[in-house]
PDB file of N, CA and C in Angstrom:
ATOM      1  N   MET A   1      11.165  17.043 -43.511  1.00  0.00           N
ATOM      2  CA  MET A   1      10.979  17.925 -42.372  1.00  0.00           C
ATOM      3  C   MET A   1       9.772  17.497 -41.536  1.00  0.00           C
ATOM      4  N   LYS A   2       8.673  17.138 -42.207  1.00  0.00           N
ATOM      5  CA  LYS A   2       7.483  16.712 -41.483  1.00  0.00           C
ATOM      6  C   LYS A   2       7.755  15.421 -40.722  1.00  0.00           C
ATOM      7  N   PHE A   3       8.583  14.563 -41.337  1.00  0.00           N
ATOM      8  CA  PHE A   3       8.908  13.293 -40.697  1.00  0.00           C
ATOM      9  C   PHE A   3       9.677  13.521 -39.391  1.00  0.00           C
ATOM     10  N   ALA A   4      10.632  14.436 -39.417  1.00  0.00           N
ATOM     11  CA  ALA A   4      11.417  14.745 -38.217  1.00  0.00           C
ATOM     12  C   ALA A   4      10.529  15.352 -37.142  1.00  0.00           C
ATOM     13  N   LEU A   5       9.592  16.193 -37.535  1.00  0.00           N
ATOM     14  CA  LEU A   5       8.672  16.806 -36.577  1.00  0.00           C
ATOM     15  C   LEU A   5       7.773  15.754 -35.942  1.00  0.00           C
ATOM     16  N   LYS A   6       7.323  14.797 -36.757  1.00  0.00           N
ATOM     17  CA  LYS A   6       6.471  13.729 -36.253  1.00  0.00           C
ATOM     18  C   LYS A   6       7.242  12.854 -35.254  1.00  0.00           C
ATOM     19  N   ILE A   7       8.490  12.561 -35.563  1.00  0.00           N
ATOM     20  CA  ILE A   7       9.325  11.766 -34.650  1.00  0.00           C
ATOM     21  C   ILE A   7       9.531  12.523 -33.344  1.00  0.00           C
ATOM     22  N   LYS A   8       9.787  13.816 -33.440  1.00  0.00           N
ATOM     23  CA  LYS A   8       9.993  14.632 -32.244  1.00  0.00           C
ATOM     24  C   LYS A   8       8.739  14.639 -31.381  1.00  0.00           C
ATOM     25  N   GLN A   9       7.568  14.787 -31.994  1.00  0.00           N
ATOM     26  CA  GLN A   9       6.313  14.784 -31.242  1.00  0.00           C
ATOM     27  C   GLN A   9       6.075  13.432 -30.580  1.00  0.00           C
ATOM     28  N   THR A  10       6.391  12.359 -31.294  1.00  0.00           N
ATOM     29  CA  THR A  10       6.234  11.013 -30.738  1.00  0.00           C
ATOM     30  C   THR A  10       7.156  10.817 -29.540  1.00  0.00           C
ATOM     31  N   LEU A  11       8.381  11.276 -29.663  1.00  0.00           N
ATOM     32  CA  LEU A  11       9.329  11.155 -28.550  1.00  0.00           C
ATOM     33  C   LEU A  11       8.877  11.968 -27.344  1.00  0.00           C
ATOM     34  N   LEU A  12       8.351  13.157 -27.582  1.00  0.00           N
ATOM     35  CA  LEU A  12       7.861  13.982 -26.481  1.00  0.00           C
ATOM     36  C   LEU A  12       6.686  13.311 -25.779  1.00  0.00           C
ATOM     37  N   LYS A  13       5.801  12.674 -26.546  1.00  0.00           N
ATOM     38  CA  LYS A  13       4.675  11.952 -25.946  1.00  0.00           C
ATOM     39  C   LYS A  13       5.176  10.790 -25.103  1.00  0.00           C
ATOM     40  N   GLN A  14       6.187  10.080 -25.605  1.00  0.00           N
ATOM     41  CA  GLN A  14       6.740   8.953 -24.858  1.00  0.00           C
ATOM     42  C   GLN A  14       7.403   9.418 -23.568  1.00  0.00           C
ATOM     43  N   ILE A  15       8.087  10.541 -23.628  1.00  0.00           N
ATOM     44  CA  ILE A  15       8.728  11.089 -22.428  1.00  0.00           C
ATOM     45  C   ILE A  15       7.670  11.482 -21.403  1.00  0.00           C
ATOM     46  N   LYS A  16       6.584  12.094 -21.864  1.00  0.00           N
ATOM     47  CA  LYS A  16       5.494  12.464 -20.950  1.00  0.00           C
ATOM     48  C   LYS A  16       4.880  11.225 -20.313  1.00  0.00           C
ATOM     49  N   LEU A  17       4.692  10.162 -21.102  1.00  0.00           N
ATOM     50  CA  LEU A  17       4.136   8.921 -20.562  1.00  0.00           C
ATOM     51  C   LEU A  17       5.057   8.308 -19.512  1.00  0.00           C
ATOM     52  N   ILE A  18       6.347   8.338 -19.778  1.00  0.00           N
ATOM     53  CA  ILE A  18       7.315   7.790 -18.820  1.00  0.00           C
ATOM     54  C   ILE A  18       7.271   8.586 -17.522  1.00  0.00           C
ATOM     55  N   LYS A  19       7.224   9.910 -17.621  1.00  0.00           N
ATOM     56  CA  LYS A  19       7.144  10.746 -16.421  1.00  0.00           C
ATOM     57  C   LYS A  19       5.858  10.472 -15.650  1.00  0.00           C
ATOM     58  N   MET A  20       4.750  10.303 -16.395  1.00  0.00           N
ATOM     59  CA  MET A  20       3.475  10.034 -15.752  1.00  0.00           C
ATOM     60  C   MET A  20       3.510   8.685 -15.030  1.00  0.00           C
ATOM     61  N   LYS A  21       4.087   7.679 -15.673  1.00  0.00           N
ATOM     62  CA  LYS A  21       4.194   6.360 -15.051  1.00  0.00           C
ATOM     63  C   LYS A  21       5.036   6.425 -13.782  1.00  0.00           C
ATOM     64  N   LYS A  22       6.147   7.152 -13.846  1.00  0.00           N
ATOM     65  CA  LYS A  22       7.006   7.290 -12.663  1.00  0.00           C
ATOM     66  C   LYS A  22       6.257   7.987 -11.531  1.00  0.00           C
ATOM     67  N   THR A  23       5.494   9.019 -11.874  1.00  0.00           N
ATOM     68  CA  THR A  23       4.723   9.746 -10.864  1.00  0.00           C
ATOM     69  C   THR A  23       3.671   8.846 -10.232  1.00  0.00           C
ATOM     70  N   ILE A  24       2.991   8.067 -11.050  1.00  0.00           N
ATOM     71  CA  ILE A  24       1.961   7.161 -10.529  1.00  0.00           C
ATOM     72  C   ILE A  24       2.582   6.103  -9.628  1.00  0.00           C
ATOM     73  N   ILE A  25       3.688   5.521 -10.061  1.00  0.00           N
ATOM     74  CA  ILE A  25       4.356   4.493  -9.251  1.00  0.00           C
ATOM     75  C   ILE A  25       4.850   5.083  -7.939  1.00  0.00           C
ATOM     76  N   LEU A  26       5.417   6.275  -7.980  1.00  0.00           N
ATOM     77  CA  LEU A  26       5.894   6.925  -6.764  1.00  0.00           C
ATOM     78  C   LEU A  26       4.737   7.222  -5.821  1.00  0.00           C
ATOM     79  N   THR A  27       3.630   7.708  -6.353  1.00  0.00           N
ATOM     80  CA  THR A  27       2.461   8.013  -5.530  1.00  0.00           C
ATOM     81  C   THR A  27       1.910   6.756  -4.871  1.00  0.00           C
ATOM     82  N   ILE A  28       1.788   5.692  -5.631  1.00  0.00           N
ATOM     83  CA  ILE A  28       1.286   4.431  -5.072  1.00  0.00           C
ATOM     84  C   ILE A  28       2.247   3.896  -4.016  1.00  0.00           C
ATOM     85  N   SER A  29       3.544   3.991  -4.268  1.00  0.00           N
ATOM     86  CA  SER A  29       4.538   3.521  -3.297  1.00  0.00           C
ATOM     87  C   SER A  29       4.450   4.304  -1.991  1.00  0.00           C
ATOM     88  N   LEU A  30       4.332   5.615  -2.094  1.00  0.00           N
ATOM     89  CA  LEU A  30       4.216   6.432  -0.885  1.00  0.00           C
ATOM     90  C   LEU A  30       2.929   6.126  -0.135  1.00  0.00           C
ATOM     91  N   PHE A  31       1.845   5.916  -0.865  1.00  0.00           N
ATOM     92  CA  PHE A  31       0.567   5.573  -0.248  1.00  0.00           C
ATOM     93  C   PHE A  31       0.678   4.256   0.521  1.00  0.00           C
ATOM     94  N   CYS A  32       1.316   3.262  -0.098  1.00  0.00           N
ATOM     95  CA  CYS A  32       1.500   1.967   0.571  1.00  0.00           C
ATOM     96  C   CYS A  32       2.392   2.112   1.800  1.00  0.00           C
ATOM     97  N   LEU A  33       3.406   2.950   1.710  1.00  0.00           N
ATOM     98  CA  LEU A  33       4.298   3.171   2.846  1.00  0.00           C
ATOM     99  C   LEU A  33       3.541   3.803   4.002  1.00  0.00           C
ATOM    100  N   VAL A  34       2.717   4.792   3.715  1.00  0.00           N
ATOM    101  CA  VAL A  34       1.926   5.450   4.758  1.00  0.00           C
ATOM    102  C   VAL A  34       0.951   4.460   5.385  1.00  0.00           C
ATOM    103  N   LEU A  35       0.310   3.639   4.573  1.00  0.00           N
ATOM    104  CA  LEU A  35      -0.612   2.637   5.110  1.00  0.00           C
ATOM    105  C   LEU A  35       0.119   1.653   6.008  1.00  0.00           C
ATOM    106  N   ASN A  36       1.321   1.279   5.613  1.00  0.00           N
ATOM    107  CA  ASN A  36       2.101   0.337   6.403  1.00  0.00           C
ATOM    108  C   ASN A  36       2.516   0.952   7.734  1.00  0.00           C
ATOM    109  N   ILE A  37       2.844   2.221   7.742  1.00  0.00           N
ATOM    110  CA  ILE A  37       3.246   2.896   8.980  1.00  0.00           C
ATOM    111  C   ILE A  37       2.055   3.021   9.921  1.00  0.00           C
ATOM    112  N   LYS A  38       0.886   3.345   9.368  1.00  0.00           N
ATOM    113  CA  LYS A  38      -0.297   3.537  10.204  1.00  0.00           C
ATOM    114  C   LYS A  38      -0.953   2.225  10.617  1.00  0.00           C
ATOM    115  N   ALA A  39      -0.558   1.122  10.001  1.00  0.00           N
ATOM    116  CA  ALA A  39      -1.179  -0.172  10.305  1.00  0.00           C
ATOM    117  C   ALA A  39      -0.848  -0.573  11.742  1.00  0.00           C
ATOM    118  N   GLN A  40      -1.851  -1.091  12.415  1.00  0.00           N
ATOM    119  CA  GLN A  40      -1.662  -1.532  13.791  1.00  0.00           C
ATOM    120  C   GLN A  40      -1.320  -3.013  13.763  1.00  0.00           C
ATOM    121  N   LYS A  41      -0.272  -3.368  14.458  1.00  0.00           N
ATOM    122  CA  LYS A  41       0.137  -4.761  14.500  1.00  0.00           C
ATOM    123  C   LYS A  41      -0.599  -5.448  15.641  1.00  0.00           C
ATOM    124  N   ILE A  42      -1.238  -6.555  15.321  1.00  0.00           N
ATOM    125  CA  ILE A  42      -2.010  -7.296  16.309  1.00  0.00           C
ATOM    126  C   ILE A  42      -1.377  -8.669  16.470  1.00  0.00           C
ATOM    127  N   LYS A  43      -1.076  -9.008  17.697  1.00  0.00           N
ATOM    128  CA  LYS A  43      -0.527 -10.328  17.976  1.00  0.00           C
ATOM    129  C   LYS A  43      -1.684 -11.251  18.313  1.00  0.00           C
ATOM    130  N   GLY A  44      -1.605 -12.464  17.865  1.00  0.00           N
ATOM    131  CA  GLY A  44      -2.671 -13.424  18.102  1.00  0.00           C
ATOM    132  C   GLY A  44      -2.886 -13.691  19.580  1.00  0.00           C
ATOM    133  N   SER A  45      -1.809 -13.776  20.350  1.00  0.00           N
ATOM    134  CA  SER A  45      -1.958 -14.087  21.770  1.00  0.00           C
ATOM    135  C   SER A  45      -2.622 -12.934  22.526  1.00  0.00           C
ATOM    136  N   ASP A  46      -2.413 -11.707  22.085  1.00  0.00           N
ATOM    137  CA  ASP A  46      -3.026 -10.554  22.750  1.00  0.00           C
ATOM    138  C   ASP A  46      -4.540 -10.523  22.541  1.00  0.00           C
ATOM    139  N   THR A  47      -4.987 -10.946  21.386  1.00  0.00           N
ATOM    140  CA  THR A  47      -6.420 -10.879  21.100  1.00  0.00           C
ATOM    141  C   THR A  47      -7.175 -12.044  21.729  1.00  0.00           C
ATOM    142  N   VAL A  48      -6.513 -13.168  21.921  1.00  0.00           N
ATOM    143  CA  VAL A  48      -7.174 -14.352  22.463  1.00  0.00           C
ATOM    144  C   VAL A  48      -7.135 -14.356  23.990  1.00  0.00           C
ATOM    145  N   LEU A  49      -6.196 -13.648  24.582  1.00  0.00           N
ATOM    146  CA  LEU A  49      -6.010 -13.679  26.036  1.00  0.00           C
ATOM    147  C   LEU A  49      -7.271 -13.311  26.814  1.00  0.00           C
ATOM    148  N   PRO A  50      -7.946 -12.195  26.538  1.00  0.00           N
ATOM    149  CA  PRO A  50      -9.158 -11.871  27.311  1.00  0.00           C
ATOM    150  C   PRO A  50     -10.244 -12.941  27.176  1.00  0.00           C
ATOM    151  N   LEU A  51     -10.381 -13.498  26.009  1.00  0.00           N
ATOM    152  CA  LEU A  51     -11.391 -14.540  25.811  1.00  0.00           C
ATOM    153  C   LEU A  51     -11.054 -15.793  26.604  1.00  0.00           C
ATOM    154  N   SER A  52      -9.793 -16.183  26.582  1.00  0.00           N
ATOM    155  CA  SER A  52      -9.407 -17.395  27.311  1.00  0.00           C
ATOM    156  C   SER A  52      -9.487 -17.172  28.820  1.00  0.00           C
ATOM    157  N   GLN A  53      -9.181 -15.970  29.292  1.00  0.00           N
ATOM    158  CA  GLN A  53      -9.302 -15.685  30.728  1.00  0.00           C
ATOM    159  C   GLN A  53     -10.761 -15.763  31.162  1.00  0.00           C
ATOM    160  N   GLU A  54     -11.649 -15.210  30.380  1.00  0.00           N
ATOM    161  CA  GLU A  54     -13.071 -15.253  30.713  1.00  0.00           C
ATOM    162  C   GLU A  54     -13.584 -16.695  30.704  1.00  0.00           C
ATOM    163  N   ALA A  55     -13.150 -17.474  29.737  1.00  0.00           N
ATOM    164  CA  ALA A  55     -13.567 -18.880  29.676  1.00  0.00           C
ATOM    165  C   ALA A  55     -13.042 -19.647  30.885  1.00  0.00           C
ATOM    166  N   ALA A  56     -11.811 -19.359  31.308  1.00  0.00           N
ATOM    167  CA  ALA A  56     -11.235 -20.037  32.470  1.00  0.00           C
ATOM    168  C   ALA A  56     -11.989 -19.654  33.743  1.00  0.00           C
ATOM    169  N   GLU A  57     -12.347 -18.381  33.883  1.00  0.00           N
ATOM    170  CA  GLU A  57     -13.093 -17.943  35.071  1.00  0.00           C
ATOM    171  C   GLU A  57     -14.478 -18.591  35.108  1.00  0.00           C
ATOM    172  N   ASN A  58     -15.136 -18.665  33.980  1.00  0.00           N
ATOM    173  CA  ASN A  58     -16.449 -19.321  33.923  1.00  0.00           C
ATOM    174  C   ASN A  58     -16.334 -20.805  34.260  1.00  0.00           C
ATOM    175  N   TYR A  59     -15.276 -21.431  33.834  1.00  0.00           N
ATOM    176  CA  TYR A  59     -15.075 -22.854  34.118  1.00  0.00           C
ATOM    177  C   TYR A  59     -14.830 -23.068  35.614  1.00  0.00           C
ATOM    178  N   LYS A  60     -14.062 -22.147  36.235  1.00  0.00           N
ATOM    179  CA  LYS A  60     -13.770 -22.269  37.673  1.00  0.00           C
ATOM    180  C   LYS A  60     -15.034 -22.090  38.508  1.00  0.00           C
ATOM    181  N   LYS A  61     -15.956 -21.255  38.046  1.00  0.00           N
ATOM    182  CA  LYS A  61     -17.189 -21.004  38.794  1.00  0.00           C
ATOM    183  C   LYS A  61     -18.081 -22.243  38.838  1.00  0.00           C
ATOM    184  N   LYS A  62     -17.984 -23.122  37.879  1.00  0.00           N
ATOM    185  CA  LYS A  62     -18.850 -24.316  37.822  1.00  0.00           C
ATOM    186  C   LYS A  62     -18.444 -25.370  38.792  1.00  0.00           C
TER     187      LYS A  62
END
């Protein structure tokens, strides 16, 4: 009888661990999804354009 009770307790602990792991994975996945949605996409040509225009204007002035 004690052996069956011990097995039952072990199984319950394993089930709790599995649920906890699923919850953690789901939470991390949702967090990553939110970060991805809020992330601003930057194109390389957009960030370099003002710098290159200013350099071209300075070159023309010389």
